[in-house]
C-alpha atoms as a PDB file:
ATOM      1  CA  MET A   1      -0.142  13.502   3.898  1.00  0.00           C
ATOM      2  CA  HIS A   2       2.270  12.444   1.487  1.00  0.00           C
ATOM      3  CA  LEU A   3       5.240  10.423  -1.142  1.00  0.00           C
ATOM      4  CA  ALA A   4       7.355   9.570  -3.817  1.00  0.00           C
ATOM      5  CA  HIS A   5      10.084   6.571  -6.339  1.00  0.00           C
ATOM      6  CA  ALA A   6       9.814   4.277  -8.927  1.00  0.00           C
ATOM      7  CA  SER A   7      10.948   1.085 -10.348  1.00  0.00           C
ATOM      8  CA  VAL A   8       9.439  -1.909 -12.558  1.00  0.00           C
ATOM      9  CA  ARG A   9      10.308  -4.183  -9.268  1.00  0.00           C
ATOM     10  CA  PRO A  10       9.714  -2.561  -5.917  1.00  0.00           C
ATOM     11  CA  ARG A  11      12.354  -3.954  -3.413  1.00  0.00           C
ATOM     12  CA  VAL A  12      11.024  -5.536  -0.357  1.00  0.00           C
ATOM     13  CA  LEU A  13      12.026  -3.079   1.986  1.00  0.00           C
ATOM     14  CA  LEU A  14       9.724  -6.026   5.186  1.00  0.00           C
ATOM     15  CA  CYS A  15       8.003  -8.601   5.267  1.00  0.00           C
ATOM     16  CA  ALA A  16       5.975 -10.135   7.166  1.00  0.00           C
ATOM     17  CA  CYS A  17       7.078 -13.901   6.306  1.00  0.00           C
ATOM     18  CA  SER A  18      10.606 -13.231   7.005  1.00  0.00           C
ATOM     19  CA  CYS A  19      10.859 -12.092  10.588  1.00  0.00           C
ATOM     20  CA  VAL A  20       7.411 -13.323  11.776  1.00  0.00           C
ATOM     21  CA  ARG A  21       7.324 -17.197  13.564  1.00  0.00           C
ATOM     22  CA  VAL A  22       4.094 -19.150  12.987  1.00  0.00           C
ATOM     23  CA  SER A  23       3.354 -21.865  15.567  1.00  0.00           C
ATOM     24  CA  PRO A  24       1.446 -24.248  13.520  1.00  0.00           C
ATOM     25  CA  HIS A  25      -1.096 -24.222  16.661  1.00  0.00           C
ATOM     26  CA  VAL A  26      -2.258 -20.605  15.546  1.00  0.00           C
ATOM     27  CA  THR A  27      -5.442 -20.436  13.438  1.00  0.00           C
ATOM     28  CA  PRO A  28      -5.182 -18.391  11.074  1.00  0.00           C
ATOM     29  CA  VAL A  29      -6.757 -14.444  11.401  1.00  0.00           C
ATOM     30  CA  ARG A  30      -9.649 -13.723   8.781  1.00  0.00           C
ATOM     31  CA  VAL A  31      -9.553 -11.033   6.996  1.00  0.00           C
ATOM     32  CA  VAL A  32     -11.871  -8.357   5.704  1.00  0.00           C
ATOM     33  CA  SER A  33     -11.941 -10.372   2.167  1.00  0.00           C
ATOM     34  CA  SER A  34     -15.753 -10.033   2.001  1.00  0.00           C
ATOM     35  CA  VAL A  35     -16.765  -7.526  -0.387  1.00  0.00           C
ATOM     36  CA  ALA A  36     -19.224  -9.767  -2.173  1.00  0.00           C
ATOM     37  CA  GLY A  37     -16.971 -12.832  -1.543  1.00  0.00           C
ATOM     38  CA  TYR A  38     -13.403 -11.210  -2.995  1.00  0.00           C
ATOM     39  CA  LYS A  39     -10.379 -10.740  -1.009  1.00  0.00           C
ATOM     40  CA  LEU A  40      -8.962  -7.325  -0.835  1.00  0.00           C
ATOM     41  CA  ASP A  41      -5.727  -5.314   0.924  1.00  0.00           C
ATOM     42  CA  LEU A  42      -4.913  -1.925   1.046  1.00  0.00           C
ATOM     43  CA  ARG A  43      -1.420  -0.291  -0.411  1.00  0.00           C
ATOM     44  CA  LEU A  44      -0.617   2.753   1.310  1.00  0.00           C
ATOM     45  CA  TYR A  45       1.696   5.191  -0.068  1.00  0.00           C
ATOM     46  CA  VAL A  46       4.656   6.361   3.070  1.00  0.00           C
ATOM     47  CA  LEU A  47       7.149   9.917   2.214  1.00  0.00           C
ATOM     48  CA  ILE A  48      10.252   9.728   3.775  1.00  0.00           C
ATOM     49  CA  ALA A  49      10.835  12.976   3.158  1.00  0.00           C
ATOM     50  CA  SER A  50      14.343  14.036   5.775  1.00  0.00           C
ATOM     51  CA  ALA A  51      16.337  11.647   7.848  1.00  0.00           C
ATOM     52  CA  CYS A  52      17.416  14.609  10.355  1.00  0.00           C
ATOM     53  CA  PRO A  53      15.269  15.523  11.064  1.00  0.00           C
ATOM     54  CA  PHE A  54      13.071  12.135  10.585  1.00  0.00           C
ATOM     55  CA  ARG A  55      10.029  13.385   8.508  1.00  0.00           C
ATOM     56  CA  VAL A  56       7.469  11.111   7.360  1.00  0.00           C
ATOM     57  CA  TYR A  57       3.932  11.438   5.528  1.00  0.00           C
ATOM     58  CA  LEU A  58       1.801   8.991   5.529  1.00  0.00           C
ATOM     59  CA  TYR A  59      -0.440  10.027   2.301  1.00  0.00           C
ATOM     60  CA  GLN A  60      -4.565  10.191   3.063  1.00  0.00           C
ATOM     61  CA  ASP A  61      -5.467   7.829  -0.272  1.00  0.00           C
ATOM     62  CA  ALA A  62      -4.968   4.518  -0.859  1.00  0.00           C
ATOM     63  CA  LEU A  63      -5.628   1.691  -3.061  1.00  0.00           C
ATOM     64  CA  ILE A  64      -7.752  -1.148  -2.050  1.00  0.00           C
ATOM     65  CA  ARG A  65      -6.587  -3.815  -4.227  1.00  0.00           C
ATOM     66  CA  PHE A  66      -8.852  -6.543  -5.026  1.00  0.00           C
ATOM     67  CA  ALA A  67      -8.798 -10.547  -5.475  1.00  0.00           C
ATOM     68  CA  THR A  68     -10.422 -11.310  -9.123  1.00  0.00           C
ATOM     69  CA  HIS A  69     -12.080 -14.365  -8.424  1.00  0.00           C
ATOM     70  CA  LYS A  70     -13.985 -15.155  -5.915  1.00  0.00           C
ATOM     71  CA  TYR A  71     -12.201 -16.562  -2.046  1.00  0.00           C
ATOM     72  CA  ASN A  72     -12.131 -19.767  -1.799  1.00  0.00           C
ATOM     73  CA  LEU A  73      -9.774 -21.746   0.706  1.00  0.00           C
ATOM     74  CA  ASP A  74     -10.711 -25.075  -2.160  1.00  0.00           C
ATOM     75  CA  ASP A  75      -8.963 -24.071  -4.249  1.00  0.00           C
ATOM     76  CA  LEU A  76      -5.883 -22.251  -3.481  1.00  0.00           C
ATOM     77  CA  ASP A  77      -3.977 -23.234  -6.638  1.00  0.00           C
ATOM     78  CA  ASN A  78      -6.028 -19.779  -8.046  1.00  0.00           C
ATOM     79  CA  THR A  79      -3.670 -16.894  -7.866  1.00  0.00           C
ATOM     80  CA  PHE A  80      -6.485 -14.812  -9.278  1.00  0.00           C
ATOM     81  CA  SER A  81      -8.131 -16.052  -5.711  1.00  0.00           C
ATOM     82  CA  HIS A  82      -5.603 -15.241  -2.958  1.00  0.00           C
ATOM     83  CA  LEU A  83      -3.323 -12.445  -4.872  1.00  0.00           C
ATOM     84  CA  THR A  84      -4.200  -8.745  -4.339  1.00  0.00           C
ATOM     85  CA  ASN A  85      -1.150  -8.078  -6.928  1.00  0.00           C
ATOM     86  CA  SER A  86      -2.629  -5.476  -9.987  1.00  0.00           C
ATOM     87  CA  SER A  87      -0.292  -6.959 -12.136  1.00  0.00           C
ATOM     88  CA  ILE A  88      -1.057 -10.888 -12.102  1.00  0.00           C
ATOM     89  CA  ASN A  89      -5.571  -9.676 -11.493  1.00  0.00           C
ATOM     90  CA  LYS A  90      -4.807  -7.935 -14.864  1.00  0.00           C
ATOM     91  CA  ASN A  91      -4.319 -11.026 -16.511  1.00  0.00           C
ATOM     92  CA  SER A  92      -7.550 -12.776 -15.525  1.00  0.00           C
ATOM     93  CA  ASN A  93     -10.500 -13.703 -17.348  1.00  0.00           C
ATOM     94  CA  SER A  94     -13.058 -11.993 -14.620  1.00  0.00           C
ATOM     95  CA  TYR A  95     -11.027  -8.132 -14.456  1.00  0.00           C
ATOM     96  CA  GLY A  96     -12.572  -6.530 -17.108  1.00  0.00           C
ATOM     97  CA  VAL A  97     -15.686  -8.090 -15.721  1.00  0.00           C
ATOM     98  CA  GLU A  98     -18.658  -5.836 -14.192  1.00  0.00           C
ATOM     99  CA  LYS A  99     -18.233  -7.605 -10.379  1.00  0.00           C
ATOM    100  CA  GLU A 100     -20.839  -7.356  -7.621  1.00  0.00           C
ATOM    101  CA  ARG A 101     -20.144  -3.869  -5.509  1.00  0.00           C
ATOM    102  CA  ILE A 102     -16.211  -4.464  -7.281  1.00  0.00           C
ATOM    103  CA  GLY A 103     -17.156  -3.645 -11.066  1.00  0.00           C
ATOM    104  CA  ALA A 104     -14.392  -3.525 -13.626  1.00  0.00           C
ATOM    105  CA  GLY A 105     -11.171  -3.816 -12.915  1.00  0.00           C
ATOM    106  CA  CYS A 106      -8.736  -4.609  -9.393  1.00  0.00           C
ATOM    107  CA  LYS A 107      -8.506  -1.379  -7.605  1.00  0.00           C
ATOM    108  CA  TRP A 108     -10.592   1.694  -5.918  1.00  0.00           C
ATOM    109  CA  SER A 109      -9.591   4.116  -3.967  1.00  0.00           C
ATOM    110  CA  PHE A 110      -9.501   4.038  -0.611  1.00  0.00           C
ATOM    111  CA  LEU A 111     -11.179   7.765  -0.762  1.00  0.00           C
ATOM    112  CA  SER A 112     -13.732   7.050  -3.443  1.00  0.00           C
ATOM    113  CA  TRP A 113     -14.721   3.848  -1.870  1.00  0.00           C
ATOM    114  CA  ALA A 114     -15.223   5.482   1.874  1.00  0.00           C
ATOM    115  CA  LYS A 115     -17.589   7.652   0.008  1.00  0.00           C
ATOM    116  CA  ARG A 116     -19.974   4.793  -1.706  1.00  0.00           C
ATOM    117  CA  HIS A 117     -19.765   2.916   0.825  1.00  0.00           C
ATOM    118  CA  PRO A 118     -19.434   5.381   4.588  1.00  0.00           C
ATOM    119  CA  ASN A 119     -20.425   2.268   6.683  1.00  0.00           C
ATOM    120  CA  HIS A 120     -17.699  -0.159   5.580  1.00  0.00           C
ATOM    121  CA  PRO A 121     -15.466  -1.954   8.010  1.00  0.00           C
ATOM    122  CA  LEU A 122     -12.808  -0.110   6.319  1.00  0.00           C
ATOM    123  CA  THR A 123     -13.764   2.788   6.831  1.00  0.00           C
ATOM    124  CA  HIS A 124     -13.373   2.722  11.145  1.00  0.00           C
ATOM    125  CA  PRO A 125     -11.699   5.210  12.595  1.00  0.00           C
ATOM    126  CA  MET A 126      -9.583   2.991  14.990  1.00  0.00           C
ATOM    127  CA  LEU A 127      -8.798   0.451  12.060  1.00  0.00           C
ATOM    128  CA  TRP A 128      -6.778   4.252  10.506  1.00  0.00           C
ATOM    129  CA  LEU A 129      -5.458   4.610  13.797  1.00  0.00           C
ATOM    130  CA  ARG A 130      -4.053   1.321  14.221  1.00  0.00           C
ATOM    131  CA  ILE A 131      -2.722   1.357  10.895  1.00  0.00           C
ATOM    132  CA  ARG A 132      -0.818   4.616  12.377  1.00  0.00           C
ATOM    133  CA  VAL A 133       0.565   2.891  14.945  1.00  0.00           C
ATOM    134  CA  ILE A 134       1.789   0.169  12.705  1.00  0.00           C
ATOM    135  CA  LEU A 135       3.686   2.067  10.531  1.00  0.00           C
ATOM    136  CA  ASN A 136       5.474   4.549  12.966  1.00  0.00           C
ATOM    137  CA  LEU A 137       6.430   1.591  14.755  1.00  0.00           C
ATOM    138  CA  THR A 138       7.928   0.263  11.192  1.00  0.00           C
ATOM    139  CA  LEU A 139       9.546   2.921  10.438  1.00  0.00           C
ATOM    140  CA  LEU A 140      10.695   3.884  13.555  1.00  0.00           C
ATOM    141  CA  SER A 141      12.668   0.172  13.465  1.00  0.00           C
ATOM    142  CA  ILE A 142      15.400   1.412  10.300  1.00  0.00           C
ATOM    143  CA  ALA A 143      15.291   5.125  11.068  1.00  0.00           C
ATOM    144  CA  ALA A 144      18.858   4.459  12.995  1.00  0.00           C
ATOM    145  CA  GLY A 145      20.240   3.020  10.164  1.00  0.00           C
ATOM    146  CA  ILE A 146      18.912   5.498   7.565  1.00  0.00           C
ATOM    147  CA  PRO A 147      22.169   7.706   6.359  1.00  0.00           C
ATOM    148  CA  GLU A 148      21.981  11.644   6.826  1.00  0.00           C
ATOM    149  CA  ASN A 149      22.250  14.310   3.671  1.00  0.00           C
ATOM    150  CA  ASP A 150      22.149  17.705   2.206  1.00  0.00           C
ATOM    151  CA  GLY A 151      18.441  17.538   0.972  1.00  0.00           C
ATOM    152  CA  GLY A 152      17.526  16.181  -2.448  1.00  0.00           C
ATOM    153  CA  CYS A 153      16.935  12.873  -1.076  1.00  0.00           C
ATOM    154  CA  PHE A 154      13.887  11.225  -0.122  1.00  0.00           C
ATOM    155  CA  GLU A 155      12.121   7.670  -0.708  1.00  0.00           C
ATOM    156  CA  LEU A 156       8.296   6.222  -1.341  1.00  0.00           C
ATOM    157  CA  LEU A 157       7.680   3.380   0.583  1.00  0.00           C
ATOM    158  CA  GLY A 158       4.861   0.655  -0.377  1.00  0.00           C
ATOM    159  CA  PHE A 159       3.328  -0.283   2.961  1.00  0.00           C
ATOM    160  CA  ASP A 160       0.956  -3.789   2.100  1.00  0.00           C
ATOM    161  CA  VAL A 161      -1.814  -4.216   5.166  1.00  0.00           C
ATOM    162  CA  ILE A 162      -4.632  -6.611   5.662  1.00  0.00           C
ATOM    163  CA  VAL A 163      -7.168  -6.269   8.122  1.00  0.00           C
ATOM    164  CA  ASP A 164      -9.181  -9.094  10.383  1.00  0.00           C
ATOM    165  CA  GLU A 165     -12.365  -9.228  11.100  1.00  0.00           C
ATOM    166  CA  THR A 166     -11.292  -7.980  14.942  1.00  0.00           C
ATOM    167  CA  LEU A 167     -10.440  -4.571  12.994  1.00  0.00           C
ATOM    168  CA  LYS A 168      -7.117  -5.705  13.357  1.00  0.00           C
ATOM    169  CA  PRO A 169      -4.315  -4.646  10.645  1.00  0.00           C
ATOM    170  CA  TRP A 170      -1.925  -6.889   9.376  1.00  0.00           C
ATOM    171  CA  LEU A 171       1.378  -5.968   7.514  1.00  0.00           C
ATOM    172  CA  LEU A 172       2.400  -8.273   4.659  1.00  0.00           C
ATOM    173  CA  GLU A 173       5.106  -5.928   3.223  1.00  0.00           C
ATOM    174  CA  VAL A 174       6.704  -3.366   2.950  1.00  0.00           C
ATOM    175  CA  ASN A 175       7.888  -1.805  -0.394  1.00  0.00           C
ATOM    176  CA  CYS A 176      11.146   0.194  -1.451  1.00  0.00           C
ATOM    177  CA  SER A 177       9.765   1.132  -4.758  1.00  0.00           C
ATOM    178  CA  PRO A 178       6.914   0.415  -5.185  1.00  0.00           C
ATOM    179  CA  ALA A 179       5.292   0.593  -8.805  1.00  0.00           C
ATOM    180  CA  LEU A 180       3.762   4.579  -9.398  1.00  0.00           C
ATOM    181  CA  GLY A 181       2.523   2.970 -13.267  1.00  0.00           C
ATOM    182  CA  VAL A 182      -0.768   4.541 -14.183  1.00  0.00           C
ATOM    183  CA  GLU A 183      -2.955   1.786 -15.864  1.00  0.00           C
ATOM    184  CA  CYS A 184      -7.003   2.820 -14.045  1.00  0.00           C
ATOM    185  CA  GLU A 185      -8.145   5.530 -12.939  1.00  0.00           C
ATOM    186  CA  ALA A 186      -8.086   4.961  -9.135  1.00  0.00           C
ATOM    187  CA  ASP A 187      -4.144   4.624 -10.100  1.00  0.00           C
ATOM    188  CA  GLU A 188      -4.895   8.354 -11.917  1.00  0.00           C
ATOM    189  CA  THR A 189      -6.152   9.422  -7.721  1.00  0.00           C
ATOM    190  CA  VAL A 190      -3.862   7.774  -5.829  1.00  0.00           C
ATOM    191  CA  ARG A 191      -0.157   7.104  -7.482  1.00  0.00           C
ATOM    192  CA  ALA A 192      -0.095  10.216  -9.785  1.00  0.00           C
ATOM    193  CA  ARG A 193      -1.138  12.672  -7.365  1.00  0.00           C
ATOM    194  CA  ALA A 194       1.067  11.584  -4.619  1.00  0.00           C
ATOM    195  CA  LEU A 195       3.481  11.408  -6.572  1.00  0.00           C
ATOM    196  CA  ALA A 196       3.167  15.127  -7.283  1.00  0.00           C
ATOM    197  CA  LEU A 197       3.498  16.041  -3.568  1.00  0.00           C
ATOM    198  CA  SER A 198       5.912  14.362  -2.983  1.00  0.00           C
ATOM    199  CA  LEU A 199       8.720  15.951  -5.262  1.00  0.00           C
ATOM    200  CA  ALA A 200       6.064  19.103  -3.945  1.00  0.00           C
ATOM    201  CA  LEU A 201       7.357  18.306  -0.329  1.00  0.00           C
ATOM    202  CA  VAL A 202      10.988  17.473  -0.998  1.00  0.00           C
ATOM    203  CA  PRO A 203      13.480  19.491  -0.507  1.00  0.00           C
ATOM    204  CA  SER A 204      15.250  20.965  -3.637  1.00  0.00           C
ATOM    205  CA  LEU A 205      18.456  19.244  -4.840  1.00  0.00           C
ATOM    206  CA  PRO A 206      21.398  20.931  -4.138  1.00  0.00           C
ATOM    207  CA  PRO A 207      22.625  22.847  -7.234  1.00  0.00           C
ATOM    208  CA  SER A 208      25.426  20.406  -9.361  1.00  0.00           C
ATOM    209  CA  PRO A 209      28.672  22.170  -8.452  1.00  0.00           C
ATOM    210  CA  SER A 210      29.967  22.496 -12.338  1.00  0.00           C
ATOM    211  CA  HIS A 211      26.998  25.276 -11.948  1.00  0.00           C
ATOM    212  CA  THR A 212      28.260  26.901  -9.268  1.00  0.00           C
ATOM    213  CA  HIS A 213      30.881  29.158 -10.889  1.00  0.00           C
END
């Protein structure tokens, strides 16, 4: 499965906070953030290769993004504890420190993590089945609004997902132009390969009118 697209600042296509009304009586979910106490989420890359027919690919690898300070509800102002964005955590004083089970940095390739920790909840087949359901339903909700084209146009989406203690995935947001910069080994493994696969999957651009004579 596979991907493509980039920009300095990602555009948000869909954000959970903008479309879900939270009741004051709802108990907050407990996320699987206990890899040695560090919060995590998943960045999944999805390629829309064509609109008609509607062709979508999910890249088989993903980024596991970790906070760099341990999760602490008594310190809600600590962004290094509660946010997993690498653009934030690379400024943490513990970014380059060897952290329990995570090591230095704040990202892992999912396939590398699964190979190292085959029994971790993130590797459970039911979780990934549920994630695929979320991806399908999200994309179907926008499919009718995607304009048709003559080929050569595609869109890379970055889906951010957290997972609760019952292995239920929760969609945080969908980025229209996820960052594809390579800052560490996990980026090289996931982002660079995914981009290459995307370019191999999408149709070739039609010839320019100036080159048809």
